[in-house]
């Protein structure tokens, strides 16, 4: 099964030292070009969030996550459409996105208690 990684999920390794790629090893990992652009924009910042984004970018490249061209303007809409069309789970901690995904029957992978990753 595929798992689409959202921008905020890519920040987790920098924030918590959780190896999301080991935990998600049974999935074929993909992300959208929009998520990568968001991550690159965050990486330009100096503070903690910029540092987390830079770690996320390095790990995306290291783990050879497939980047899908979306052609959409809003990331959340593109994620939902891709997940529905390709029957894949979405790895995210974005509450608003999670609500929309669940409402549309898309499986969600998320971090809880800074360690445990759940599939809902």
N, C-alpha and C. Protein backbone atom coordinates (compact mmCIF):
# COMPACT_ATOMS: atom_id res chain seq x y z
N UNK A 1 0.84 -1.19 0.00
CA UNK A 1 0.00 0.00 0.00
C UNK A 1 0.88 1.24 0.00
N UNK A 2 0.39 2.28 -0.66
CA UNK A 2 1.09 3.56 -0.68
C UNK A 2 0.72 4.39 0.53
N UNK A 3 1.67 5.22 0.94
CA UNK A 3 1.39 6.22 1.98
C UNK A 3 1.93 7.55 1.47
N UNK A 4 1.05 8.54 1.41
CA UNK A 4 1.43 9.88 0.99
C UNK A 4 1.84 10.66 2.24
N UNK A 5 3.04 11.23 2.23
CA UNK A 5 3.54 11.96 3.39
C UNK A 5 3.25 13.45 3.22
N UNK A 6 2.53 14.03 4.18
CA UNK A 6 2.22 15.45 4.19
C UNK A 6 3.41 16.24 4.75
N UNK A 7 3.42 17.52 4.49
CA UNK A 7 4.51 18.40 4.92
C UNK A 7 4.78 18.30 6.42
N UNK A 8 3.75 18.42 7.23
CA UNK A 8 4.00 18.44 8.68
C UNK A 8 4.52 17.11 9.20
N UNK A 9 4.24 16.01 8.50
CA UNK A 9 4.75 14.71 8.91
C UNK A 9 6.26 14.62 8.64
N UNK A 10 6.70 15.35 7.63
CA UNK A 10 8.14 15.37 7.30
C UNK A 10 8.95 16.17 8.33
N UNK A 11 8.27 16.96 9.15
CA UNK A 11 8.95 17.72 10.20
C UNK A 11 9.21 16.87 11.45
N UNK A 12 8.52 15.75 11.57
CA UNK A 12 8.60 14.91 12.77
C UNK A 12 10.02 14.44 13.10
N UNK A 13 10.80 13.95 12.13
CA UNK A 13 12.13 13.48 12.50
C UNK A 13 12.99 14.56 13.18
N UNK A 14 12.88 15.78 12.74
CA UNK A 14 13.62 16.87 13.36
C UNK A 14 13.08 17.25 14.73
N UNK A 15 11.77 17.16 14.90
CA UNK A 15 11.12 17.55 16.16
C UNK A 15 11.29 16.51 17.25
N UNK A 16 11.13 15.24 16.90
CA UNK A 16 11.04 14.20 17.93
C UNK A 16 12.10 13.11 17.82
N UNK A 17 12.90 13.16 16.77
CA UNK A 17 13.91 12.12 16.51
C UNK A 17 13.26 10.77 16.19
N UNK A 18 11.98 10.76 15.85
CA UNK A 18 11.28 9.55 15.44
C UNK A 18 11.63 9.25 13.99
N UNK A 19 12.05 8.03 13.72
CA UNK A 19 12.40 7.64 12.36
C UNK A 19 11.14 7.18 11.63
N UNK A 20 10.48 8.12 10.99
CA UNK A 20 9.22 7.81 10.31
C UNK A 20 9.42 6.82 9.16
N UNK A 21 10.61 6.81 8.59
CA UNK A 21 10.86 5.93 7.44
C UNK A 21 10.98 4.48 7.86
N UNK A 22 11.50 4.23 9.04
CA UNK A 22 11.56 2.85 9.55
C UNK A 22 10.16 2.39 9.93
N UNK A 23 9.41 3.25 10.58
CA UNK A 23 8.05 2.90 11.01
C UNK A 23 7.15 2.64 9.80
N UNK A 24 7.39 3.37 8.72
CA UNK A 24 6.55 3.25 7.52
C UNK A 24 7.19 2.37 6.44
N UNK A 25 8.14 1.54 6.82
CA UNK A 25 8.89 0.75 5.84
C UNK A 25 8.03 -0.18 5.00
N UNK A 26 6.86 -0.60 5.50
CA UNK A 26 6.01 -1.51 4.74
C UNK A 26 5.21 -0.79 3.65
N UNK A 27 5.26 0.53 3.63
CA UNK A 27 4.53 1.33 2.65
C UNK A 27 5.45 1.80 1.53
N UNK A 28 4.85 1.98 0.35
CA UNK A 28 5.54 2.67 -0.74
C UNK A 28 5.29 4.16 -0.47
N UNK A 29 6.35 4.90 -0.17
CA UNK A 29 6.20 6.29 0.25
C UNK A 29 6.23 7.26 -0.93
N UNK A 30 5.25 8.16 -0.94
CA UNK A 30 5.17 9.20 -1.95
C UNK A 30 4.84 10.52 -1.26
N UNK A 31 5.09 11.59 -1.95
CA UNK A 31 4.66 12.91 -1.50
C UNK A 31 4.33 13.75 -2.73
N UNK A 32 3.72 14.88 -2.52
CA UNK A 32 3.36 15.76 -3.63
C UNK A 32 4.40 16.86 -3.78
N UNK A 33 4.53 17.36 -5.00
CA UNK A 33 5.43 18.48 -5.25
C UNK A 33 5.04 19.68 -4.39
N UNK A 34 3.75 19.84 -4.13
CA UNK A 34 3.29 20.95 -3.28
C UNK A 34 3.83 20.83 -1.85
N UNK A 35 3.89 19.61 -1.34
CA UNK A 35 4.43 19.38 0.01
C UNK A 35 5.92 19.71 0.04
N UNK A 36 6.63 19.32 -1.00
CA UNK A 36 8.06 19.61 -1.07
C UNK A 36 8.28 21.12 -1.14
N UNK A 37 7.46 21.82 -1.92
CA UNK A 37 7.58 23.29 -1.99
C UNK A 37 7.33 23.93 -0.63
N UNK A 38 6.32 23.44 0.09
CA UNK A 38 6.04 23.96 1.44
C UNK A 38 7.24 23.71 2.36
N UNK A 39 7.82 22.53 2.26
CA UNK A 39 8.96 22.18 3.09
C UNK A 39 10.17 23.06 2.76
N UNK A 40 10.40 23.29 1.47
CA UNK A 40 11.51 24.15 1.06
C UNK A 40 11.33 25.58 1.55
N UNK A 41 10.09 26.06 1.51
CA UNK A 41 9.81 27.41 2.00
C UNK A 41 10.08 27.49 3.51
N UNK A 42 9.65 26.49 4.26
CA UNK A 42 9.92 26.44 5.70
C UNK A 42 11.42 26.37 5.99
N UNK A 43 12.15 25.63 5.13
CA UNK A 43 13.59 25.45 5.33
C UNK A 43 14.37 26.76 5.21
N UNK A 44 13.77 27.75 4.56
CA UNK A 44 14.43 29.06 4.42
C UNK A 44 14.46 29.82 5.75
N UNK A 45 13.57 29.46 6.66
CA UNK A 45 13.52 30.14 7.96
C UNK A 45 14.69 29.74 8.83
N UNK A 46 15.05 30.64 9.73
CA UNK A 46 16.15 30.33 10.63
C UNK A 46 15.68 29.54 11.82
N UNK A 47 14.87 29.64 12.57
CA UNK A 47 14.49 28.96 13.81
C UNK A 47 14.35 27.45 13.72
N UNK A 48 13.68 26.92 14.71
CA UNK A 48 13.50 25.46 14.84
C UNK A 48 12.74 24.85 13.66
N UNK A 49 11.67 25.52 13.23
CA UNK A 49 10.88 24.97 12.13
C UNK A 49 11.70 24.85 10.85
N UNK A 50 12.56 25.82 10.60
CA UNK A 50 13.45 25.77 9.44
C UNK A 50 14.41 24.60 9.55
N UNK A 51 14.93 24.38 10.74
CA UNK A 51 15.84 23.26 10.99
C UNK A 51 15.12 21.93 10.76
N UNK A 52 13.90 21.82 11.28
CA UNK A 52 13.11 20.59 11.10
C UNK A 52 12.84 20.33 9.63
N UNK A 53 12.54 21.40 8.89
CA UNK A 53 12.26 21.27 7.45
C UNK A 53 13.50 20.81 6.70
N UNK A 54 14.66 21.33 7.05
CA UNK A 54 15.90 20.92 6.39
C UNK A 54 16.19 19.43 6.64
N UNK A 55 15.94 18.98 7.86
CA UNK A 55 16.10 17.55 8.18
C UNK A 55 15.12 16.73 7.33
N UNK A 56 13.88 17.19 7.23
CA UNK A 56 12.87 16.50 6.42
C UNK A 56 13.28 16.38 4.96
N UNK A 57 13.80 17.45 4.40
CA UNK A 57 14.25 17.44 2.99
C UNK A 57 15.38 16.43 2.81
N UNK A 58 16.34 16.43 3.73
CA UNK A 58 17.46 15.48 3.64
C UNK A 58 16.95 14.04 3.66
N UNK A 59 16.01 13.76 4.56
CA UNK A 59 15.50 12.40 4.69
C UNK A 59 14.64 11.98 3.49
N UNK A 60 13.90 12.92 2.93
CA UNK A 60 13.12 12.62 1.72
C UNK A 60 14.06 12.21 0.60
N UNK A 61 15.15 12.96 0.44
CA UNK A 61 16.13 12.63 -0.60
C UNK A 61 16.84 11.32 -0.31
N UNK A 62 17.26 11.13 0.93
CA UNK A 62 17.99 9.92 1.33
C UNK A 62 17.15 8.67 1.13
N UNK A 63 15.87 8.76 1.45
CA UNK A 63 14.98 7.60 1.37
C UNK A 63 14.28 7.46 0.02
N UNK A 64 14.66 8.32 -0.91
CA UNK A 64 14.15 8.25 -2.29
C UNK A 64 12.62 8.17 -2.36
N UNK A 65 11.98 9.08 -1.65
CA UNK A 65 10.53 9.16 -1.67
C UNK A 65 10.11 9.70 -3.03
N UNK A 66 9.17 9.05 -3.67
CA UNK A 66 8.71 9.46 -5.00
C UNK A 66 7.89 10.75 -4.86
N UNK A 67 8.23 11.74 -5.68
CA UNK A 67 7.52 13.02 -5.66
C UNK A 67 6.55 13.06 -6.84
N UNK A 68 5.27 13.25 -6.52
CA UNK A 68 4.20 13.25 -7.52
C UNK A 68 3.85 14.69 -7.89
N UNK A 69 3.77 14.95 -9.17
CA UNK A 69 3.35 16.27 -9.65
C UNK A 69 1.84 16.35 -9.52
N UNK A 70 1.36 17.39 -8.83
CA UNK A 70 -0.07 17.44 -8.56
C UNK A 70 -0.83 18.38 -9.49
N UNK A 71 -0.25 19.50 -9.85
CA UNK A 71 -0.94 20.45 -10.71
C UNK A 71 -2.07 21.20 -10.02
N UNK A 72 -2.20 21.02 -8.73
CA UNK A 72 -3.26 21.70 -7.97
C UNK A 72 -2.68 22.91 -7.24
N UNK A 73 -3.58 23.78 -6.81
CA UNK A 73 -3.14 24.98 -6.10
C UNK A 73 -3.16 24.80 -4.58
N UNK A 74 -4.11 24.04 -4.06
CA UNK A 74 -4.15 23.86 -2.62
C UNK A 74 -3.67 22.46 -2.26
N UNK A 75 -2.77 22.40 -1.32
CA UNK A 75 -2.13 21.14 -0.94
C UNK A 75 -3.13 20.15 -0.37
N UNK A 76 -3.98 20.58 0.56
CA UNK A 76 -4.93 19.66 1.19
C UNK A 76 -5.88 19.02 0.18
N UNK A 77 -6.35 19.81 -0.75
CA UNK A 77 -7.26 19.30 -1.79
C UNK A 77 -6.52 18.28 -2.67
N UNK A 78 -5.28 18.61 -3.02
CA UNK A 78 -4.48 17.71 -3.86
C UNK A 78 -4.20 16.39 -3.14
N UNK A 79 -3.92 16.47 -1.83
CA UNK A 79 -3.66 15.27 -1.04
C UNK A 79 -4.90 14.38 -1.02
N UNK A 80 -6.05 14.98 -0.73
CA UNK A 80 -7.31 14.22 -0.68
C UNK A 80 -7.60 13.56 -2.02
N UNK A 81 -7.48 14.31 -3.10
CA UNK A 81 -7.76 13.76 -4.43
C UNK A 81 -6.81 12.62 -4.78
N UNK A 82 -5.52 12.81 -4.51
CA UNK A 82 -4.53 11.76 -4.82
C UNK A 82 -4.82 10.50 -4.00
N UNK A 83 -5.08 10.69 -2.70
CA UNK A 83 -5.32 9.55 -1.81
C UNK A 83 -6.55 8.75 -2.25
N UNK A 84 -7.60 9.46 -2.62
CA UNK A 84 -8.83 8.79 -3.06
C UNK A 84 -8.62 8.05 -4.38
N UNK A 85 -7.97 8.72 -5.30
CA UNK A 85 -7.76 8.15 -6.63
C UNK A 85 -6.84 6.93 -6.60
N UNK A 86 -5.85 6.96 -5.69
CA UNK A 86 -4.84 5.90 -5.66
C UNK A 86 -4.98 4.96 -4.46
N UNK A 87 -6.09 5.07 -3.74
CA UNK A 87 -6.36 4.22 -2.58
C UNK A 87 -5.14 4.12 -1.65
N UNK A 88 -4.64 5.27 -1.23
CA UNK A 88 -3.47 5.25 -0.35
C UNK A 88 -3.76 5.97 0.96
N UNK A 89 -3.00 5.60 1.98
CA UNK A 89 -3.11 6.26 3.29
C UNK A 89 -2.37 7.59 3.23
N UNK A 90 -2.68 8.47 4.16
CA UNK A 90 -1.99 9.76 4.23
C UNK A 90 -1.36 9.89 5.61
N UNK A 91 -0.06 10.17 5.64
CA UNK A 91 0.67 10.38 6.88
C UNK A 91 0.67 11.88 7.18
N UNK A 92 -0.07 12.28 8.23
CA UNK A 92 -0.19 13.69 8.58
C UNK A 92 -0.59 13.84 10.03
N UNK A 93 -0.26 14.98 10.61
CA UNK A 93 -0.75 15.34 11.94
C UNK A 93 -1.63 16.58 11.87
N UNK A 94 -1.94 17.04 10.68
CA UNK A 94 -2.77 18.22 10.47
C UNK A 94 -4.23 17.87 10.78
N UNK A 95 -4.75 18.42 11.87
CA UNK A 95 -6.10 18.07 12.35
C UNK A 95 -7.19 18.34 11.32
N UNK A 96 -7.10 19.48 10.65
CA UNK A 96 -8.12 19.83 9.66
C UNK A 96 -8.08 18.83 8.49
N UNK A 97 -6.87 18.52 8.05
CA UNK A 97 -6.71 17.56 6.95
C UNK A 97 -7.19 16.17 7.38
N UNK A 98 -6.85 15.77 8.59
CA UNK A 98 -7.28 14.46 9.10
C UNK A 98 -8.80 14.35 9.08
N UNK A 99 -9.48 15.40 9.53
CA UNK A 99 -10.94 15.40 9.54
C UNK A 99 -11.50 15.21 8.13
N UNK A 100 -10.93 15.93 7.17
CA UNK A 100 -11.39 15.81 5.78
C UNK A 100 -11.10 14.44 5.19
N UNK A 101 -9.95 13.87 5.53
CA UNK A 101 -9.59 12.55 5.02
C UNK A 101 -10.52 11.48 5.59
N UNK A 102 -10.74 11.53 6.90
CA UNK A 102 -11.61 10.54 7.55
C UNK A 102 -13.04 10.62 7.00
N UNK A 103 -13.51 11.85 6.80
CA UNK A 103 -14.85 12.08 6.27
C UNK A 103 -15.01 11.42 4.90
N UNK A 104 -13.89 11.35 4.16
CA UNK A 104 -13.92 10.77 2.81
C UNK A 104 -13.40 9.34 2.77
N UNK A 105 -13.24 8.72 3.95
CA UNK A 105 -12.86 7.31 4.00
C UNK A 105 -11.41 7.00 3.70
N UNK A 106 -10.52 7.98 3.85
CA UNK A 106 -9.10 7.77 3.59
C UNK A 106 -8.40 7.40 4.90
N UNK A 107 -7.55 6.36 4.86
CA UNK A 107 -6.80 5.96 6.05
C UNK A 107 -5.79 7.04 6.41
N UNK A 108 -5.59 7.25 7.72
CA UNK A 108 -4.68 8.28 8.20
C UNK A 108 -3.62 7.65 9.09
N UNK A 109 -2.37 8.02 8.86
CA UNK A 109 -1.25 7.60 9.71
C UNK A 109 -0.80 8.86 10.43
N UNK A 110 -0.73 8.80 11.78
CA UNK A 110 -0.35 10.00 12.52
C UNK A 110 0.48 9.67 13.75
N UNK A 111 1.14 10.68 14.24
CA UNK A 111 1.99 10.53 15.42
C UNK A 111 1.19 10.93 16.65
N UNK A 112 1.33 10.13 17.70
CA UNK A 112 0.70 10.45 18.98
C UNK A 112 1.73 10.25 20.07
N UNK A 113 1.68 11.08 21.07
CA UNK A 113 2.56 11.01 22.22
C UNK A 113 4.04 11.02 21.83
N UNK A 114 4.33 11.71 20.74
CA UNK A 114 5.68 11.91 20.22
C UNK A 114 6.41 10.62 19.87
N UNK A 115 5.73 9.49 19.85
CA UNK A 115 6.40 8.25 19.49
C UNK A 115 5.54 7.33 18.65
N UNK A 116 4.36 7.06 19.10
CA UNK A 116 3.53 6.05 18.49
C UNK A 116 2.90 6.56 17.20
N UNK A 117 3.02 5.78 16.15
CA UNK A 117 2.39 6.13 14.89
C UNK A 117 1.20 5.20 14.68
N UNK A 118 0.01 5.78 14.52
CA UNK A 118 -1.22 5.01 14.40
C UNK A 118 -1.77 5.06 12.99
N UNK A 119 -2.40 3.99 12.57
CA UNK A 119 -3.16 3.98 11.33
C UNK A 119 -4.61 3.94 11.74
N UNK A 120 -5.38 4.90 11.28
CA UNK A 120 -6.80 4.98 11.64
C UNK A 120 -7.66 4.75 10.43
